[in-house]
């Protein structure tokens, strides 16, 4: 295996390469020079849909390794494989490492995790030590998530909500200190808050946060749903929270942790235990006369 892997790597390094002014390095594209250090046992290279755990240390040429940037973390391959670092991901297999020299402007600083405006001010070239520690395929990720769902369901749920809000949650607000997030839209036709005992009519659609599949929809139940606000065991508690935040005529999107949705039991064949939900809720009417 190691012999075959060595042949593959050496071939990929040599093809299309030019003599480099840096001793021991090969120029693989204009101003980008590499030197392979270590061969691991892995055979495959990372695809765009994979994640990669890497060790990356960057320094100005001639300075101590990592003096500009140093990390060991997991990236999406499509994000880190930019600029000069695409050279590394195209050539390395799991367990391999290389050195890379290039102009500072060819390093994908923002993709590496630096906040905007913090890119190092460097004149000339930098040297990056890049090790591909692990390739994580989508199947690996799903298996790990499923294991986490069973061994640490609360932590799994929290990570799922946090990731969703980071990617899709523009304009969302956190409700107190919980993992419930909300975003309101529309113009209220009645600015009074709903009070316990009032009959409320809503339209809503509930989807599993994990995959967006609709599992609860008032259109399947006749178009709307009416209950007396505050009465126990009428609706999931997340809908009570939604109504408390809405005013008649307004709608909102609500990210509900399992504790505000279907809890630790879920719904057989529809919702897994400890599953967060995404609800879109519209408050149509509140009957003030119904309050005792």
Protein backbone atom coordinates (compact mmCIF):
# COMPACT_ATOMS: atom_id res chain seq x y z
CA UNK A 1 0.00 0.00 0.00
CA UNK A 2 2.73 2.45 1.02
CA UNK A 3 4.71 1.76 -2.18
CA UNK A 4 1.69 2.36 -4.38
CA UNK A 5 0.77 5.49 -2.46
CA UNK A 6 4.30 6.83 -2.77
CA UNK A 7 4.21 6.37 -6.54
CA UNK A 8 0.89 8.17 -6.80
CA UNK A 9 2.04 11.10 -4.68
CA UNK A 10 5.41 11.49 -6.33
CA UNK A 11 3.76 11.38 -9.74
CA UNK A 12 1.27 14.05 -8.75
CA UNK A 13 4.03 16.22 -7.35
CA UNK A 14 6.28 15.95 -10.38
CA UNK A 15 3.72 16.33 -13.16
CA UNK A 16 3.74 19.85 -14.52
CA UNK A 17 6.31 21.05 -11.95
CA UNK A 18 9.20 23.46 -12.41
CA UNK A 19 12.54 24.02 -10.71
CA UNK A 20 12.14 26.07 -7.52
CA UNK A 21 14.51 28.69 -6.06
CA UNK A 22 13.79 27.20 -2.62
CA UNK A 23 16.05 24.25 -1.77
CA UNK A 24 14.15 20.98 -1.61
CA UNK A 25 10.96 22.51 -3.00
CA UNK A 26 9.19 22.13 -6.34
CA UNK A 27 7.23 24.89 -8.05
CA UNK A 28 3.83 23.36 -8.88
CA UNK A 29 2.23 26.53 -10.14
CA UNK A 30 3.33 30.13 -10.49
CA UNK A 31 4.89 31.29 -7.18
CA UNK A 32 3.62 28.25 -5.29
CA UNK A 33 6.33 25.84 -4.07
CA UNK A 34 5.83 22.60 -2.13
CA UNK A 35 7.84 19.93 -0.40
CA UNK A 36 6.29 16.66 0.75
CA UNK A 37 7.36 15.60 4.25
CA UNK A 38 5.40 12.57 5.34
CA UNK A 39 3.25 9.86 3.79
CA UNK A 40 0.33 8.55 5.79
CA UNK A 41 -1.63 5.36 5.35
CA UNK A 42 -4.63 6.94 3.63
CA UNK A 43 -5.36 6.35 -0.04
CA UNK A 44 -8.14 8.81 -0.88
CA UNK A 45 -8.01 12.57 -1.27
CA UNK A 46 -10.66 14.94 0.03
CA UNK A 47 -13.73 15.75 -2.09
CA UNK A 48 -15.75 18.96 -2.00
CA UNK A 49 -18.43 17.37 0.18
CA UNK A 50 -15.94 16.09 2.76
CA UNK A 51 -14.66 17.76 5.91
CA UNK A 52 -10.96 17.68 6.76
CA UNK A 53 -9.14 17.92 10.07
CA UNK A 54 -5.86 19.69 9.44
CA UNK A 55 -2.89 21.08 11.31
CA UNK A 56 -1.83 24.39 9.80
CA UNK A 57 1.06 26.64 10.82
CA UNK A 58 1.92 29.75 8.83
CA UNK A 59 4.89 32.08 9.23
CA UNK A 60 6.69 34.70 7.22
CA UNK A 61 9.53 33.06 5.35
CA UNK A 62 12.46 32.59 7.71
CA UNK A 63 10.42 33.11 10.90
CA UNK A 64 9.38 30.50 13.50
CA UNK A 65 6.65 28.09 12.28
CA UNK A 66 3.18 29.28 13.23
CA UNK A 67 4.21 32.81 14.21
CA UNK A 68 1.52 34.29 11.95
CA UNK A 69 -1.19 31.66 12.30
CA UNK A 70 -1.47 28.26 13.94
CA UNK A 71 -4.44 25.93 14.31
CA UNK A 72 -5.61 22.34 14.38
CA UNK A 73 -9.26 22.20 13.43
CA UNK A 74 -11.87 20.78 11.08
CA UNK A 75 -12.89 22.64 7.93
CA UNK A 76 -15.22 21.96 5.05
CA UNK A 77 -12.90 20.90 2.23
CA UNK A 78 -14.56 23.30 -0.21
CA UNK A 79 -13.82 26.21 2.15
CA UNK A 80 -10.18 25.52 3.00
CA UNK A 81 -9.29 24.38 -0.53
CA UNK A 82 -8.80 27.92 -1.85
CA UNK A 83 -5.88 30.02 -2.96
CA UNK A 84 -2.55 28.27 -2.54
CA UNK A 85 -4.02 25.70 -0.15
CA UNK A 86 -5.93 24.05 -2.98
CA UNK A 87 -2.51 22.70 -3.99
CA UNK A 88 -2.23 20.90 -0.65
CA UNK A 89 -5.70 19.35 -0.72
CA UNK A 90 -5.32 18.19 -4.31
CA UNK A 91 -2.07 16.37 -3.53
CA UNK A 92 -2.36 15.10 0.03
CA UNK A 93 -3.98 11.94 1.34
CA UNK A 94 -5.00 11.27 4.92
CA UNK A 95 -1.92 11.30 7.16
CA UNK A 96 0.31 13.20 4.69
CA UNK A 97 2.03 16.50 5.37
CA UNK A 98 3.88 19.11 3.29
CA UNK A 99 5.47 22.54 3.41
CA UNK A 100 4.20 25.21 1.07
CA UNK A 101 5.78 28.56 0.15
CA UNK A 102 3.80 31.25 -1.65
CA UNK A 103 3.13 34.99 -1.62
CA UNK A 104 1.07 36.04 1.42
CA UNK A 105 -1.71 37.23 -0.87
CA UNK A 106 -2.28 33.67 -2.10
CA UNK A 107 -3.18 32.39 1.37
CA UNK A 108 -6.97 32.15 1.95
CA UNK A 109 -6.81 33.94 5.32
CA UNK A 110 -10.58 34.35 5.81
CA UNK A 111 -11.26 30.69 4.96
CA UNK A 112 -8.62 29.70 7.53
CA UNK A 113 -10.70 31.36 10.23
CA UNK A 114 -9.25 34.84 10.61
CA UNK A 115 -11.89 37.50 11.23
CA UNK A 116 -12.24 40.19 8.54
CA UNK A 117 -9.67 42.92 8.94
CA UNK A 118 -7.20 40.78 10.87
CA UNK A 119 -5.23 39.45 7.90
CA UNK A 120 -1.51 39.65 8.76
CA UNK A 121 0.44 42.45 7.10
CA UNK A 122 3.20 40.56 5.34
CA UNK A 123 5.54 41.66 2.59
CA UNK A 124 6.76 38.83 0.43
CA UNK A 125 6.38 35.12 0.93
CA UNK A 126 5.01 32.94 3.71
CA UNK A 127 5.67 29.32 4.55
CA UNK A 128 2.80 27.02 5.59
CA UNK A 129 3.18 23.65 7.26
CA UNK A 130 0.07 21.70 6.28
CA UNK A 131 -0.84 18.24 7.63
CA UNK A 132 -3.99 16.42 6.54
CA UNK A 133 -4.88 14.53 9.72
CA UNK A 134 -8.28 13.13 8.82
CA UNK A 135 -10.80 13.08 5.98
CA UNK A 136 -14.40 13.01 7.21
CA UNK A 137 -16.93 11.94 4.59
CA UNK A 138 -20.66 12.81 4.77
CA UNK A 139 -21.31 9.18 5.74
CA UNK A 140 -18.80 9.51 8.59
CA UNK A 141 -20.54 12.69 9.75
CA UNK A 142 -23.98 11.07 9.71
CA UNK A 143 -22.73 8.07 11.68
CA UNK A 144 -21.08 10.33 14.27
CA UNK A 145 -24.21 12.46 14.59
CA UNK A 146 -26.40 9.40 15.05
CA UNK A 147 -24.09 8.13 17.78
CA UNK A 148 -24.18 11.55 19.49
CA UNK A 149 -27.98 11.58 19.29
CA UNK A 150 -28.07 8.47 21.48
CA UNK A 151 -25.13 9.10 23.81
CA UNK A 152 -25.59 12.86 24.36
CA UNK A 153 -29.03 13.86 23.04
CA UNK A 154 -29.07 17.27 24.73
CA UNK A 155 -25.64 18.18 23.41
CA UNK A 156 -26.54 16.87 19.96
CA UNK A 157 -29.67 19.02 19.88
CA UNK A 158 -27.80 22.11 21.06
CA UNK A 159 -25.13 21.69 18.36
CA UNK A 160 -27.77 21.19 15.68
CA UNK A 161 -29.64 24.36 16.65
CA UNK A 162 -26.44 26.38 16.97
CA UNK A 163 -25.26 25.30 13.51
CA UNK A 164 -28.67 26.09 11.96
CA UNK A 165 -28.83 29.56 13.51
CA UNK A 166 -25.28 30.35 12.40
CA UNK A 167 -26.14 29.41 8.81
CA UNK A 168 -29.77 30.53 8.47
CA UNK A 169 -30.59 32.63 11.51
CA UNK A 170 -30.20 36.18 10.26
CA UNK A 171 -32.68 38.36 12.16
CA UNK A 172 -33.48 35.70 14.78
CA UNK A 173 -33.55 36.52 18.48
CA UNK A 174 -33.00 34.18 21.42
CA UNK A 175 -35.92 33.76 23.81
CA UNK A 176 -34.39 34.32 27.23
CA UNK A 177 -31.49 31.96 27.89
CA UNK A 178 -33.10 29.01 26.11
CA UNK A 179 -32.25 27.48 22.75
CA UNK A 180 -35.56 28.79 21.39
CA UNK A 181 -35.05 31.40 18.65
CA UNK A 182 -37.66 33.50 16.88
CA UNK A 183 -38.13 36.04 14.09
CA UNK A 184 -41.37 38.02 13.66
CA UNK A 185 -42.87 39.45 10.47
CA UNK A 186 -45.88 41.45 9.33
CA UNK A 187 -48.06 44.24 10.65
CA UNK A 188 -50.29 43.68 13.68
CA UNK A 189 -54.00 44.42 13.35
CA UNK A 190 -54.37 44.23 17.15
CA UNK A 191 -51.46 45.28 19.32
CA UNK A 192 -52.75 43.72 22.54
CA UNK A 193 -50.91 40.67 23.81
CA UNK A 194 -52.91 37.47 24.09
CA UNK A 195 -53.88 36.66 27.66
CA UNK A 196 -54.64 33.29 29.29
CA UNK A 197 -58.19 32.13 28.74
CA UNK A 198 -58.63 33.79 25.34
CA UNK A 199 -59.50 31.66 22.33
CA UNK A 200 -56.79 31.94 19.69
CA UNK A 201 -56.81 30.82 16.08
CA UNK A 202 -53.55 30.15 14.28
CA UNK A 203 -52.22 28.67 11.07
CA UNK A 204 -48.89 26.93 11.28
CA UNK A 205 -46.47 24.57 9.62
CA UNK A 206 -43.87 22.54 11.53
CA UNK A 207 -40.81 20.96 9.98
CA UNK A 208 -37.97 18.89 11.39
CA UNK A 209 -35.00 21.23 11.77
CA UNK A 210 -32.58 18.49 10.77
CA UNK A 211 -33.95 17.83 7.28
CA UNK A 212 -36.83 20.27 6.64
CA UNK A 213 -39.51 17.57 6.33
CA UNK A 214 -43.02 18.84 7.19
CA UNK A 215 -44.56 16.81 10.02
CA UNK A 216 -47.23 19.17 11.42
CA UNK A 217 -49.41 21.39 9.26
CA UNK A 218 -52.78 23.03 9.92
CA UNK A 219 -53.74 22.66 6.25
CA UNK A 220 -53.86 18.92 6.89
CA UNK A 221 -56.16 19.59 9.84
CA UNK A 222 -58.66 21.88 8.14
CA UNK A 223 -56.69 25.04 7.55
CA UNK A 224 -56.43 26.58 11.06
CA UNK A 225 -56.36 25.48 14.67
CA UNK A 226 -58.17 27.05 17.64
CA UNK A 227 -57.62 26.50 21.34
CA UNK A 228 -57.92 28.38 24.59
CA UNK A 229 -54.58 29.95 25.30
CA UNK A 230 -53.05 28.81 28.57
CA UNK A 231 -55.03 25.58 28.92
CA UNK A 232 -52.65 22.66 29.52
CA UNK A 233 -52.03 19.83 27.05
CA UNK A 234 -53.71 21.51 24.08
CA UNK A 235 -50.63 22.22 21.95
CA UNK A 236 -46.87 21.87 22.25
CA UNK A 237 -45.44 24.50 24.58
CA UNK A 238 -43.52 26.12 21.74
CA UNK A 239 -46.81 27.18 20.13
CA UNK A 240 -47.84 28.81 23.42
CA UNK A 241 -44.55 30.73 23.40
CA UNK A 242 -45.12 31.72 19.78
CA UNK A 243 -48.59 33.10 20.54
CA UNK A 244 -47.23 35.03 23.53
CA UNK A 245 -44.75 36.78 21.22
CA UNK A 246 -47.12 37.41 18.33
CA UNK A 247 -49.90 39.93 17.90
CA UNK A 248 -52.99 39.33 15.78
CA UNK A 249 -52.13 39.67 12.10
CA UNK A 250 -48.43 38.93 12.56
CA UNK A 251 -46.51 35.76 11.80
CA UNK A 252 -43.18 34.40 12.88
CA UNK A 253 -40.60 31.67 12.54
CA UNK A 254 -39.67 29.76 15.67
CA UNK A 255 -36.81 27.35 16.28
CA UNK A 256 -38.05 25.06 19.03
CA UNK A 257 -35.82 22.80 21.11
CA UNK A 258 -37.34 19.39 21.81
CA UNK A 259 -38.39 20.55 25.29
CA UNK A 260 -40.77 23.00 23.56
CA UNK A 261 -41.79 20.54 20.84
CA UNK A 262 -42.11 16.76 21.05
CA UNK A 263 -39.66 16.11 23.87
CA UNK A 264 -37.61 13.05 24.67
CA UNK A 265 -40.16 10.69 23.16
CA UNK A 266 -40.76 12.34 19.79
CA UNK A 267 -43.57 11.11 17.55
CA UNK A 268 -43.36 7.51 16.31
CA UNK A 269 -42.41 7.33 12.62
CA UNK A 270 -42.44 11.15 12.32
CA UNK A 271 -40.11 12.83 14.81
CA UNK A 272 -37.07 11.28 16.48
CA UNK A 273 -36.67 11.79 20.24
CA UNK A 274 -34.84 15.00 21.20
CA UNK A 275 -35.52 16.60 17.78
CA UNK A 276 -35.67 20.39 17.44
CA UNK A 277 -38.34 21.80 15.16
CA UNK A 278 -38.88 24.83 12.92
CA UNK A 279 -42.40 26.28 13.07
CA UNK A 280 -43.90 29.07 11.01
CA UNK A 281 -46.91 30.43 12.93
CA UNK A 282 -49.51 33.08 11.98
CA UNK A 283 -51.83 34.45 14.67
CA UNK A 284 -55.15 34.97 12.89
CA UNK A 285 -57.57 35.82 15.67
CA UNK A 286 -57.86 36.22 19.46
CA UNK A 287 -61.34 36.17 21.02
CA UNK A 288 -61.10 38.50 24.02
CA UNK A 289 -64.66 37.61 25.12
CA UNK A 290 -63.69 33.99 25.73
CA UNK A 291 -61.40 34.89 28.64
CA UNK A 292 -62.84 34.09 32.04
